N, C-alpha and C. Protein backbone atom coordinates (compact mmCIF):
# COMPACT_ATOMS: atom_id res chain seq x y z
N MET A 1 0.73 -0.80 -0.08
CA MET A 1 -0.01 0.20 -0.18
C MET A 1 0.81 1.40 -0.04
N THR A 2 0.58 1.73 -0.73
CA THR A 2 1.40 3.70 -0.59
C THR A 2 0.23 4.45 -0.54
N ALA A 3 1.38 5.80 -0.18
CA ALA A 3 0.63 6.72 0.61
C ALA A 3 -0.64 7.17 -0.24
N LYS A 4 -0.35 7.41 -1.87
CA LYS A 4 -1.41 7.23 -2.75
C LYS A 4 -2.59 6.63 -2.43
N THR A 5 -2.19 5.23 -1.97
CA THR A 5 -3.65 4.32 -1.89
C THR A 5 -4.44 4.74 -0.39
N PHE A 6 -3.70 5.51 0.76
CA PHE A 6 -4.23 5.74 2.13
C PHE A 6 -5.04 7.14 1.55
N LEU A 7 -3.76 8.15 0.89
CA LEU A 7 -5.34 9.13 0.59
C LEU A 7 -6.12 8.77 -0.31
N ASP A 8 -5.91 8.48 -1.44
CA ASP A 8 -7.38 8.15 -2.08
C ASP A 8 -8.66 8.01 -0.71
N ILE A 9 -8.02 6.79 0.15
CA ILE A 9 -9.45 6.22 0.65
C ILE A 9 -9.88 7.73 1.63
N ILE A 10 -8.62 8.00 2.45
CA ILE A 10 -9.59 9.18 3.31
C ILE A 10 -10.36 10.31 2.12
N ALA A 11 -9.88 10.48 1.23
CA ALA A 11 -10.51 11.42 0.04
C ALA A 11 -12.25 10.53 -0.13
N THR A 12 -12.16 9.64 0.02
CA THR A 12 -13.76 9.19 -0.06
C THR A 12 -14.47 9.04 0.55
N ARG A 13 -14.11 9.36 1.97
CA ARG A 13 -14.47 9.26 3.30
C ARG A 13 -15.75 11.02 3.23
N ARG A 14 -16.72 10.39 3.37
CA ARG A 14 -17.98 11.56 2.95
C ARG A 14 -19.38 11.68 4.32
N SER A 15 -19.41 12.60 4.43
CA SER A 15 -21.03 12.47 4.84
C SER A 15 -22.41 11.95 3.84
N PHE A 16 -22.70 10.87 4.56
CA PHE A 16 -23.98 10.44 3.92
C PHE A 16 -24.97 10.59 5.10
N TYR A 17 -26.03 11.56 4.54
CA TYR A 17 -27.13 11.51 5.37
C TYR A 17 -28.76 10.55 5.00
N GLN A 18 -28.58 10.34 3.71
CA GLN A 18 -29.69 9.90 3.73
C GLN A 18 -29.26 7.83 4.07
N LEU A 19 -29.58 7.38 5.19
CA LEU A 19 -29.28 6.22 4.77
C LEU A 19 -30.44 5.20 5.41
N GLY A 20 -30.03 4.11 4.83
CA GLY A 20 -31.08 2.76 5.21
C GLY A 20 -30.54 1.76 6.21
N ASN A 21 -31.86 1.04 6.90
CA ASN A 21 -31.04 -0.03 7.62
C ASN A 21 -30.85 -1.11 7.47
N LYS A 22 -29.88 -1.15 6.71
CA LYS A 22 -28.98 -2.32 6.07
C LYS A 22 -27.51 -2.44 6.22
N SER A 23 -27.00 -3.49 6.39
CA SER A 23 -25.73 -3.24 6.59
C SER A 23 -25.18 -4.30 5.48
N PRO A 24 -24.32 -3.92 4.43
CA PRO A 24 -23.50 -5.37 3.88
C PRO A 24 -22.73 -5.84 4.61
N ILE A 25 -22.30 -6.00 5.51
CA ILE A 25 -21.08 -6.88 6.83
C ILE A 25 -22.06 -7.03 7.47
N SER A 26 -21.55 -7.77 8.10
CA SER A 26 -22.40 -8.64 9.38
C SER A 26 -21.89 -7.42 10.74
N ASP A 27 -22.64 -7.69 11.92
CA ASP A 27 -22.47 -7.12 13.07
C ASP A 27 -21.32 -7.36 13.50
N MET A 28 -20.80 -8.95 13.38
CA MET A 28 -18.87 -9.21 13.66
C MET A 28 -18.44 -8.23 12.96
N ARG A 29 -18.34 -8.28 11.78
CA ARG A 29 -17.32 -7.18 10.78
C ARG A 29 -17.02 -6.14 11.44
N THR A 30 -18.37 -5.28 11.46
CA THR A 30 -18.62 -4.05 12.34
C THR A 30 -17.69 -4.04 13.27
N GLU A 31 -17.69 -5.10 14.45
CA GLU A 31 -17.33 -4.92 15.60
C GLU A 31 -15.37 -5.35 15.59
N GLU A 32 -14.89 -6.07 14.52
CA GLU A 32 -13.85 -6.61 14.29
C GLU A 32 -13.13 -5.16 13.68
N VAL A 33 -13.88 -4.39 12.87
CA VAL A 33 -13.69 -3.11 12.10
C VAL A 33 -13.05 -2.18 13.28
N ILE A 34 -13.82 -1.67 14.46
CA ILE A 34 -13.82 -0.61 15.32
C ILE A 34 -12.39 -1.22 16.63
N ARG A 35 -12.88 -2.85 16.62
CA ARG A 35 -11.76 -3.30 17.56
C ARG A 35 -9.97 -3.19 16.91
N GLU A 36 -10.13 -3.23 15.89
CA GLU A 36 -8.60 -2.84 15.23
C GLU A 36 -8.26 -1.50 15.21
N VAL A 37 -9.26 -0.69 15.16
CA VAL A 37 -9.09 1.17 14.83
C VAL A 37 -8.73 0.99 16.69
N ILE A 38 -9.65 0.74 17.56
CA ILE A 38 -9.01 0.90 19.19
C ILE A 38 -7.58 0.45 19.52
N LEU A 39 -7.01 -0.77 19.17
CA LEU A 39 -6.23 -0.90 19.14
C LEU A 39 -4.82 -0.13 18.76
N ASN A 40 -4.99 0.51 17.21
CA ASN A 40 -3.80 0.83 16.63
C ASN A 40 -3.65 2.92 16.56
N VAL A 41 -5.25 3.22 16.96
CA VAL A 41 -5.13 4.40 17.25
C VAL A 41 -4.28 4.93 17.82
N PRO A 42 -3.11 6.03 17.89
CA PRO A 42 -2.42 6.67 18.94
C PRO A 42 -2.78 7.37 20.06
N SER A 43 -2.22 7.65 21.09
CA SER A 43 -2.65 8.41 22.01
C SER A 43 -1.55 8.67 22.57
N ALA A 44 -2.01 10.16 22.93
CA ALA A 44 -0.64 10.99 24.09
C ALA A 44 -0.19 9.91 25.55
N PHE A 45 1.19 10.03 25.68
CA PHE A 45 1.80 9.11 26.55
C PHE A 45 1.12 7.17 26.20
N ASN A 46 0.39 7.13 25.00
CA ASN A 46 -0.07 5.63 25.25
C ASN A 46 -1.01 5.50 26.00
N SER A 47 -1.74 6.71 26.13
CA SER A 47 -2.95 6.56 27.55
C SER A 47 -4.13 6.18 27.06
N GLN A 48 -4.62 5.85 25.68
CA GLN A 48 -5.88 4.77 25.48
C GLN A 48 -6.85 5.44 26.19
N THR A 49 -7.28 6.60 26.01
CA THR A 49 -8.56 7.23 26.86
C THR A 49 -10.04 7.16 25.93
N THR A 50 -9.57 6.73 24.69
CA THR A 50 -11.19 7.01 24.60
C THR A 50 -11.97 5.38 24.09
N ARG A 51 -13.31 5.74 24.65
CA ARG A 51 -13.97 4.18 24.75
C ARG A 51 -14.91 4.61 23.69
N VAL A 52 -15.77 3.48 23.19
CA VAL A 52 -16.10 3.37 22.35
C VAL A 52 -17.51 2.25 22.76
N VAL A 53 -18.50 2.42 22.00
CA VAL A 53 -19.82 1.81 22.31
C VAL A 53 -20.95 1.79 20.90
N LEU A 54 -20.91 0.84 20.62
CA LEU A 54 -21.53 -0.08 19.10
C LEU A 54 -23.13 -0.03 19.66
N LEU A 55 -24.21 0.27 18.91
CA LEU A 55 -25.31 0.07 18.90
C LEU A 55 -25.77 0.17 17.58
N VAL A 56 -26.57 -1.35 17.13
CA VAL A 56 -27.45 -1.69 15.99
C VAL A 56 -28.73 -2.11 16.22
N LYS A 57 -29.21 -1.83 15.45
CA LYS A 57 -30.77 -2.23 15.09
C LYS A 57 -31.50 -1.83 16.23
N HIS A 58 -31.90 -2.42 16.90
CA HIS A 58 -33.21 -1.82 18.06
C HIS A 58 -32.71 -1.52 19.14
N GLU A 59 -31.07 -1.09 19.42
CA GLU A 59 -30.48 -0.58 20.23
C GLU A 59 -29.98 0.82 19.54
N HIS A 60 -30.05 0.94 18.44
CA HIS A 60 -29.97 2.35 17.77
C HIS A 60 -31.23 3.06 17.40
N ILE A 61 -31.97 2.68 17.38
CA ILE A 61 -33.16 3.05 17.60
C ILE A 61 -33.78 3.79 18.83
N LYS A 62 -33.41 2.85 19.78
CA LYS A 62 -33.81 3.41 21.19
C LYS A 62 -33.12 4.88 21.55
N LEU A 63 -31.74 4.91 20.73
CA LEU A 63 -30.82 6.02 21.45
C LEU A 63 -31.59 6.95 20.67
N TRP A 64 -31.98 6.47 19.79
CA TRP A 64 -32.49 7.75 18.67
C TRP A 64 -34.46 8.18 19.28
N ASP A 65 -34.44 7.64 19.61
CA ASP A 65 -36.16 7.78 20.67
C ASP A 65 -35.65 8.79 21.67
N ILE A 66 -34.32 8.30 22.51
CA ILE A 66 -33.71 8.86 23.41
C ILE A 66 -33.30 10.77 22.96
N VAL A 67 -33.31 10.39 22.28
CA VAL A 67 -32.51 11.73 21.59
C VAL A 67 -33.21 13.01 20.71
N LYS A 68 -34.87 11.98 20.51
CA LYS A 68 -35.78 13.06 20.04
C LYS A 68 -36.34 13.53 21.52
N GLU A 69 -36.44 13.11 22.61
CA GLU A 69 -37.10 13.24 23.40
C GLU A 69 -36.36 14.33 24.14
N ALA A 70 -34.41 14.16 24.26
CA ALA A 70 -34.11 15.29 24.90
C ALA A 70 -34.34 16.80 23.94
N VAL A 71 -34.30 16.31 22.96
CA VAL A 71 -34.12 17.32 21.84
C VAL A 71 -35.24 18.54 21.35
N LYS A 72 -36.58 17.43 21.80
CA LYS A 72 -38.12 18.40 21.80
C LYS A 72 -38.08 18.90 22.95
N GLY A 73 -37.39 18.67 24.48
CA GLY A 73 -37.63 19.07 25.33
C GLY A 73 -36.92 20.54 25.56
N VAL A 74 -36.34 21.01 24.51
CA VAL A 74 -35.23 22.18 24.23
C VAL A 74 -35.09 22.79 22.97
N ALA A 75 -36.52 22.12 21.94
CA ALA A 75 -35.97 23.20 20.45
C ALA A 75 -37.41 23.97 20.69
N PRO A 76 -37.53 24.84 20.18
CA PRO A 76 -38.41 25.89 20.01
C PRO A 76 -39.15 24.80 18.78
N VAL A 77 -40.85 25.32 19.63
CA VAL A 77 -41.78 24.86 19.08
C VAL A 77 -41.68 24.33 17.42
N LYS A 78 -41.81 26.12 16.88
CA LYS A 78 -41.98 25.96 15.53
C LYS A 78 -40.79 25.05 14.61
N GLN A 79 -39.58 24.81 14.95
CA GLN A 79 -38.99 24.39 14.45
C GLN A 79 -38.36 23.26 14.65
N TRP A 80 -39.50 22.28 15.52
CA TRP A 80 -39.64 20.88 16.14
C TRP A 80 -40.11 20.15 15.06
N PRO A 81 -40.84 20.42 13.90
CA PRO A 81 -41.11 19.48 12.79
C PRO A 81 -40.08 19.27 11.92
N THR A 82 -39.09 20.39 11.48
CA THR A 82 -38.00 19.99 10.79
C THR A 82 -36.92 19.42 11.63
N THR A 83 -36.78 19.61 13.05
CA THR A 83 -35.67 18.44 14.05
C THR A 83 -36.25 17.45 14.23
N GLU A 84 -37.25 17.20 13.85
CA GLU A 84 -37.70 16.08 14.07
C GLU A 84 -37.70 14.92 12.61
N ALA A 85 -37.82 15.54 11.91
CA ALA A 85 -37.57 14.97 10.49
C ALA A 85 -35.70 14.82 10.31
N LYS A 86 -35.18 14.98 10.61
CA LYS A 86 -33.87 15.39 10.97
C LYS A 86 -33.68 14.14 11.64
N LEU A 87 -34.14 13.77 12.35
CA LEU A 87 -33.84 13.01 13.74
C LEU A 87 -34.26 11.70 13.17
N ASN A 88 -35.26 11.91 12.61
CA ASN A 88 -36.15 10.37 12.36
C ASN A 88 -35.25 9.84 11.15
N GLY A 89 -34.77 10.68 10.37
CA GLY A 89 -33.51 10.34 9.10
C GLY A 89 -32.45 9.56 9.92
N PHE A 90 -32.12 10.17 11.14
CA PHE A 90 -30.75 9.15 11.57
C PHE A 90 -31.37 7.66 12.34
N GLN A 91 -32.42 8.11 12.50
CA GLN A 91 -32.85 7.17 13.07
C GLN A 91 -33.11 5.83 12.37
N LYS A 92 -33.68 5.91 11.30
CA LYS A 92 -33.87 5.36 10.03
C LYS A 92 -32.59 4.03 9.85
N ALA A 93 -31.17 4.77 10.04
CA ALA A 93 -30.00 4.16 9.73
C ALA A 93 -29.96 2.55 10.47
N TYR A 94 -29.10 1.94 10.12
CA TYR A 94 -28.81 0.60 11.00
C TYR A 94 -27.83 0.78 12.43
N GLY A 95 -26.84 1.83 12.27
CA GLY A 95 -26.40 1.59 13.93
C GLY A 95 -25.80 3.04 13.92
N THR A 96 -25.12 3.18 15.14
CA THR A 96 -24.65 4.70 15.94
C THR A 96 -23.34 3.86 16.59
N VAL A 97 -22.69 4.43 16.49
CA VAL A 97 -21.23 4.47 17.30
C VAL A 97 -20.92 5.55 18.35
N LEU A 98 -21.21 5.43 19.50
CA LEU A 98 -20.76 6.45 20.79
C LEU A 98 -19.19 6.27 21.13
N PHE A 99 -18.56 7.62 20.72
CA PHE A 99 -17.41 7.96 21.26
C PHE A 99 -17.40 8.57 22.73
N PHE A 100 -16.60 7.65 23.88
CA PHE A 100 -16.29 8.92 24.80
C PHE A 100 -15.08 9.06 24.63
N ASP A 101 -14.89 9.64 26.19
CA ASP A 101 -13.45 9.88 26.61
C ASP A 101 -13.26 9.60 28.11
N ASP A 102 -12.14 8.77 28.71
CA ASP A 102 -12.68 8.20 30.15
C ASP A 102 -11.83 9.21 30.82
N ARG A 103 -12.63 10.09 31.76
CA ARG A 103 -11.71 11.43 31.92
C ARG A 103 -11.03 10.51 33.65
N ARG A 104 -11.37 9.33 33.89
CA ARG A 104 -10.56 8.96 35.13
C ARG A 104 -9.42 8.49 34.62
N THR A 105 -9.09 7.98 33.17
CA THR A 105 -8.06 7.55 33.05
C THR A 105 -7.07 9.12 32.64
N ILE A 106 -8.06 9.95 32.06
CA ILE A 106 -7.44 11.72 31.96
C ILE A 106 -7.19 11.74 33.21
N HIS A 107 -7.67 11.53 34.11
CA HIS A 107 -7.28 12.45 35.70
C HIS A 107 -5.61 11.69 36.13
N GLU A 108 -5.87 10.27 35.73
CA GLU A 108 -4.70 9.64 36.17
C GLU A 108 -3.36 10.66 35.68
N TYR A 109 -3.76 10.56 34.36
CA TYR A 109 -2.41 10.98 33.75
C TYR A 109 -2.00 12.28 34.08
N GLN A 110 -3.21 13.02 34.16
CA GLN A 110 -2.84 14.65 35.20
C GLN A 110 -2.10 14.41 36.42
N ALA A 111 -2.33 13.63 37.11
CA ALA A 111 -1.31 13.50 38.14
C ALA A 111 -0.08 12.90 38.41
N ASN A 112 0.06 11.98 37.04
CA ASN A 112 1.47 11.52 37.04
C ASN A 112 2.48 12.47 36.07
N PHE A 113 1.43 13.38 35.48
CA PHE A 113 2.27 14.36 34.45
C PHE A 113 1.83 15.55 34.56
N PRO A 114 1.98 16.71 35.86
CA PRO A 114 1.63 17.56 36.62
C PRO A 114 2.09 18.55 35.18
N LEU A 115 3.09 18.46 35.10
CA LEU A 115 3.99 19.38 33.98
C LEU A 115 2.83 19.67 32.94
N TYR A 116 2.47 18.68 31.98
CA TYR A 116 1.84 18.55 31.09
C TYR A 116 0.20 18.61 31.27
N ALA A 117 -0.31 18.63 32.67
CA ALA A 117 -1.70 18.13 32.95
C ALA A 117 -3.03 19.03 32.27
N PRO A 118 -2.56 20.35 31.96
CA PRO A 118 -3.42 21.76 31.09
C PRO A 118 -3.83 20.52 29.89
N LYS A 119 -2.58 20.17 29.25
CA LYS A 119 -2.72 19.91 28.13
C LYS A 119 -3.46 18.23 27.76
N ILE A 120 -3.46 17.62 28.63
CA ILE A 120 -4.05 16.26 28.46
C ILE A 120 -4.99 16.31 27.90
N PRO A 121 -6.04 16.57 28.51
CA PRO A 121 -7.89 16.76 27.73
C PRO A 121 -7.42 17.08 26.62
N THR A 122 -6.65 18.07 26.27
CA THR A 122 -6.94 18.54 24.63
C THR A 122 -6.48 17.34 23.97
N TRP A 123 -5.31 16.37 24.41
CA TRP A 123 -4.65 15.82 23.57
C TRP A 123 -5.38 14.38 23.62
N ALA A 124 -6.14 13.96 24.34
CA ALA A 124 -7.26 13.04 24.88
C ALA A 124 -8.31 13.39 23.33
N ALA A 125 -8.64 14.21 23.44
CA ALA A 125 -9.93 14.85 22.59
C ALA A 125 -9.30 14.65 21.25
N GLN A 126 -7.51 14.48 21.04
CA GLN A 126 -7.41 14.84 19.57
C GLN A 126 -7.06 13.25 19.42
N SER A 127 -6.96 12.39 20.34
CA SER A 127 -7.15 11.05 19.92
C SER A 127 -8.36 10.21 19.76
N ASN A 128 -9.11 10.74 20.34
CA ASN A 128 -10.97 10.59 20.18
C ASN A 128 -11.45 10.89 18.73
N GLY A 129 -10.94 11.89 18.21
CA GLY A 129 -11.28 12.64 16.80
C GLY A 129 -10.31 11.51 15.79
N MET A 130 -9.23 11.18 16.01
CA MET A 130 -8.83 9.94 14.88
C MET A 130 -9.32 8.46 15.30
N HIS A 131 -10.05 8.57 15.82
CA HIS A 131 -10.80 7.08 16.25
C HIS A 131 -12.37 7.47 15.81
N GLN A 132 -12.51 8.66 15.49
CA GLN A 132 -13.89 8.80 15.00
C GLN A 132 -13.42 8.44 13.00
N LEU A 133 -12.44 9.91 12.92
CA LEU A 133 -12.09 9.28 11.66
C LEU A 133 -11.88 7.89 10.81
N ALA A 134 -10.58 6.97 11.85
CA ALA A 134 -10.40 5.70 11.35
C ALA A 134 -11.93 4.93 10.98
N ILE A 135 -12.66 5.25 12.19
CA ILE A 135 -13.56 4.03 12.46
C ILE A 135 -14.55 4.51 11.09
N TRP A 136 -14.74 5.73 11.12
CA TRP A 136 -15.78 6.42 9.52
C TRP A 136 -14.89 6.01 8.60
N THR A 137 -14.11 6.08 8.11
CA THR A 137 -13.41 6.02 6.83
C THR A 137 -13.24 4.64 6.93
N ALA A 138 -13.15 3.53 7.91
CA ALA A 138 -13.01 2.35 7.58
C ALA A 138 -14.91 1.66 7.15
N LEU A 139 -15.49 2.21 7.85
CA LEU A 139 -16.55 1.52 7.75
C LEU A 139 -17.26 2.15 6.01
N GLU A 140 -16.75 3.17 5.48
CA GLU A 140 -17.28 3.07 4.46
C GLU A 140 -16.44 2.78 3.49
N GLN A 141 -15.82 1.97 3.42
CA GLN A 141 -14.17 1.46 2.79
C GLN A 141 -14.87 -0.68 2.99
N GLU A 142 -16.72 -0.77 3.77
CA GLU A 142 -16.83 -1.73 3.65
C GLU A 142 -18.25 -1.52 3.12
N GLY A 143 -17.91 -0.15 2.40
CA GLY A 143 -19.46 -0.41 1.77
C GLY A 143 -20.93 0.56 2.67
N LEU A 144 -20.61 0.75 3.90
CA LEU A 144 -21.50 1.74 4.40
C LEU A 144 -21.55 3.25 4.72
N GLY A 145 -22.17 3.72 4.80
CA GLY A 145 -22.21 5.67 4.48
C GLY A 145 -22.47 5.60 5.99
N ALA A 146 -21.98 6.91 6.55
CA ALA A 146 -22.00 7.81 7.73
C ALA A 146 -21.85 8.88 7.76
N ASN A 147 -22.29 8.81 8.83
CA ASN A 147 -22.69 11.29 9.35
C ASN A 147 -21.94 11.18 10.66
N LEU A 148 -21.42 11.98 11.21
CA LEU A 148 -21.15 12.88 12.80
C LEU A 148 -22.03 13.39 13.43
N GLN A 149 -22.58 13.27 14.69
CA GLN A 149 -23.59 14.05 15.08
C GLN A 149 -22.86 14.36 16.65
N HIS A 150 -23.23 15.67 16.96
CA HIS A 150 -23.05 16.04 18.16
C HIS A 150 -24.59 16.18 19.20
N TYR A 151 -24.57 15.55 19.92
CA TYR A 151 -26.13 15.69 20.83
C TYR A 151 -25.60 15.66 22.24
N ASN A 152 -24.32 15.85 22.73
CA ASN A 152 -24.03 15.83 23.95
C ASN A 152 -23.75 17.08 24.53
N PRO A 153 -24.01 17.23 25.64
CA PRO A 153 -23.99 16.65 26.49
C PRO A 153 -25.78 16.23 27.11
N LEU A 154 -26.58 16.95 26.02
CA LEU A 154 -28.12 17.04 26.14
C LEU A 154 -28.57 15.41 26.66
N ILE A 155 -27.79 14.22 26.10
CA ILE A 155 -28.31 13.16 26.21
C ILE A 155 -27.42 12.41 26.98
N ASP A 156 -26.65 12.69 27.83
CA ASP A 156 -25.38 11.64 28.59
C ASP A 156 -26.06 10.97 29.35
N GLY A 157 -26.74 11.75 30.07
CA GLY A 157 -27.40 11.00 31.40
C GLY A 157 -28.29 9.85 31.18
N LYS A 158 -28.80 10.05 30.04
CA LYS A 158 -30.34 8.46 29.90
C LYS A 158 -29.20 7.73 28.93
N ILE A 159 -28.44 8.19 28.44
CA ILE A 159 -27.39 6.86 27.38
C ILE A 159 -26.77 6.26 28.67
N ALA A 160 -26.28 6.64 29.70
CA ALA A 160 -25.62 6.60 30.76
C ALA A 160 -26.32 5.21 31.26
N ALA A 161 -27.56 5.59 31.76
CA ALA A 161 -28.48 4.73 32.52
C ALA A 161 -28.84 3.60 31.93
N GLU A 162 -29.00 3.55 30.32
CA GLU A 162 -29.84 2.71 29.27
C GLU A 162 -28.79 1.80 29.06
N TRP A 163 -27.58 2.28 29.00
CA TRP A 163 -26.35 1.12 28.35
C TRP A 163 -25.33 0.93 29.00
N ASN A 164 -25.87 1.08 30.87
CA ASN A 164 -24.98 0.92 32.06
C ASN A 164 -23.43 1.49 31.56
N ILE A 165 -23.35 2.79 30.99
CA ILE A 165 -22.07 3.19 30.95
C ILE A 165 -21.09 3.86 32.06
N PRO A 166 -19.86 3.40 32.54
CA PRO A 166 -19.70 4.44 33.53
C PRO A 166 -19.32 5.72 33.65
N GLY A 167 -19.49 6.38 34.90
CA GLY A 167 -19.57 7.70 35.17
C GLY A 167 -18.64 8.55 34.80
N GLU A 168 -17.73 7.86 34.20
CA GLU A 168 -16.41 8.70 34.20
C GLU A 168 -16.38 8.90 32.46
N TRP A 169 -17.26 8.49 31.86
CA TRP A 169 -17.23 8.40 30.33
C TRP A 169 -17.86 9.35 29.80
N GLU A 170 -17.25 10.29 28.97
CA GLU A 170 -18.04 11.51 28.75
C GLU A 170 -18.34 11.41 27.21
N LEU A 171 -19.52 11.60 27.17
CA LEU A 171 -19.90 11.30 25.42
C LEU A 171 -19.27 12.37 24.79
N SER A 172 -18.63 12.10 23.43
CA SER A 172 -18.41 13.03 22.84
C SER A 172 -18.92 13.06 21.03
N ALA A 173 -19.30 11.94 20.77
CA ALA A 173 -19.65 12.09 19.29
C ALA A 173 -20.45 10.90 18.79
N GLN A 174 -21.36 11.31 17.94
CA GLN A 174 -22.15 10.10 17.67
C GLN A 174 -22.10 9.50 16.17
N LEU A 175 -21.27 8.56 15.74
CA LEU A 175 -21.33 8.25 14.23
C LEU A 175 -22.66 7.07 13.71
N VAL A 176 -23.37 8.10 13.19
CA VAL A 176 -24.97 7.05 11.95
C VAL A 176 -24.42 6.23 11.46
N PHE A 177 -24.69 5.10 10.93
CA PHE A 177 -23.99 4.59 9.97
C PHE A 177 -25.28 3.80 9.05
N GLY A 178 -25.20 3.16 7.79
CA GLY A 178 -26.48 2.13 7.48
C GLY A 178 -25.53 2.68 5.89
N ASN A 179 -26.67 1.66 5.14
CA ASN A 179 -26.44 1.46 3.84
C ASN A 179 -26.54 3.01 2.81
N PRO A 180 -25.91 3.38 2.14
CA PRO A 180 -26.16 4.89 1.38
C PRO A 180 -27.63 4.65 0.59
N LEU A 181 -28.18 5.76 0.64
CA LEU A 181 -29.65 5.89 -0.29
C LEU A 181 -29.13 6.52 -1.33
N SER A 182 -28.49 7.93 -1.18
CA SER A 182 -27.81 8.66 -2.22
C SER A 182 -26.67 9.03 -2.25
N GLU A 183 -26.40 9.56 -2.83
CA GLU A 183 -24.84 10.75 -2.81
C GLU A 183 -24.56 11.61 -2.07
N PRO A 184 -23.23 11.48 -1.15
CA PRO A 184 -23.13 12.51 -0.55
C PRO A 184 -23.28 14.26 -1.11
N ASN A 185 -23.60 14.97 -0.54
CA ASN A 185 -23.55 16.62 -1.00
C ASN A 185 -21.95 16.91 -1.75
N PRO A 186 -22.36 17.53 -2.64
CA PRO A 186 -20.71 18.16 -3.11
C PRO A 186 -20.25 18.44 -2.27
N LYS A 187 -18.61 18.83 -1.99
CA LYS A 187 -18.32 19.34 -0.95
C LYS A 187 -16.90 20.14 -1.73
N THR A 188 -16.86 21.48 -0.62
CA THR A 188 -16.41 22.56 -1.03
C THR A 188 -15.05 23.07 -0.59
N PHE A 189 -13.90 23.04 -1.26
CA PHE A 189 -12.89 23.55 -0.46
C PHE A 189 -11.93 24.77 -0.46
N LYS A 190 -11.79 25.26 0.80
CA LYS A 190 -10.73 26.28 1.06
C LYS A 190 -9.68 26.07 0.47
N PRO A 191 -8.97 27.25 -0.03
CA PRO A 191 -7.27 26.73 -0.88
C PRO A 191 -6.53 26.85 -0.09
N VAL A 192 -5.76 25.09 -0.16
CA VAL A 192 -4.61 24.64 0.77
C VAL A 192 -3.63 26.06 1.15
N GLU A 193 -3.72 26.27 0.31
CA GLU A 193 -2.55 27.42 0.27
C GLU A 193 -2.57 28.55 1.03
N ASP A 194 -3.88 28.42 1.80
CA ASP A 194 -4.60 29.10 2.74
C ASP A 194 -3.95 28.48 4.15
N ARG A 195 -4.31 27.30 3.94
CA ARG A 195 -4.27 26.35 5.19
C ARG A 195 -2.41 25.65 5.49
N PHE A 196 -2.03 25.85 5.16
CA PHE A 196 -0.68 25.20 4.64
C PHE A 196 0.80 26.20 4.56
N LYS A 197 1.70 25.73 5.23
CA LYS A 197 2.94 26.32 5.02
C LYS A 197 4.23 25.31 5.23
N THR A 198 5.29 25.23 4.33
CA THR A 198 6.25 24.84 4.57
C THR A 198 7.42 25.31 4.05
N TYR A 199 8.61 24.98 5.01
CA TYR A 199 9.98 25.61 5.10
C TYR A 199 10.89 24.51 5.24
N GLY A 200 11.98 25.26 4.38
CA GLY A 200 13.23 24.40 4.10
C GLY A 200 13.41 23.44 3.16
N ASN A 201 12.00 23.72 2.43
CA ASN A 201 11.98 22.44 1.27
C ASN A 201 12.46 22.52 -0.26
N GLU A 202 13.48 21.91 -0.98
CA GLU A 202 14.08 22.27 -1.88
C GLU A 202 13.61 22.94 -3.25
N LEU A 203 14.48 24.13 -3.50
CA LEU A 203 13.38 24.15 -4.78
C LEU A 203 13.86 23.70 -6.18
N PRO A 204 12.92 23.70 -7.09
CA PRO A 204 12.83 23.01 -8.13
C PRO A 204 14.03 23.24 -8.93
N ASN A 205 14.69 22.27 -9.88
CA ASN A 205 15.71 22.60 -10.44
C ASN A 205 15.20 23.36 -11.57
């Protein structure tokens, strides 16, 4: 595998919002993908602070019932029909991957490395983001579509109670996945020149 192959795979990762409740791979294969990512994605000091929960089928549906109830309680009345339709779309998918940060492990590393303590939560969040990208990309390589949502902390308490989530786990994101029903929207790009600088590179002959 070359860097080009890897970059081509990264480039195909997109947000699919129209998803069905089927999966081209088995639940066991989905678990294998997630386990491989958890084992191999890096973290600062090898702290391994990211935690992941997989919900599929009826458990996934249950999750989005919780989200709808929580969001309805805070959404403006006039906006609720539009919001409900959006949430119903997520619920019609096959599954959701929940991403958490283990605050207890983060605090342990802050105590063990006091010089870096203020930065360790940021580094944990960076590792969590790498897990999100890796799982998202890998699942799409298996024929699934996905999109990333953030309804935390609104839903944290009910999720913890429903699935016996340890109190130290703090919810970070929700990756919704299923069989793609339509193509993703066109993606726009800001100029790379505005986002990247290089120094000391060799000039062309």
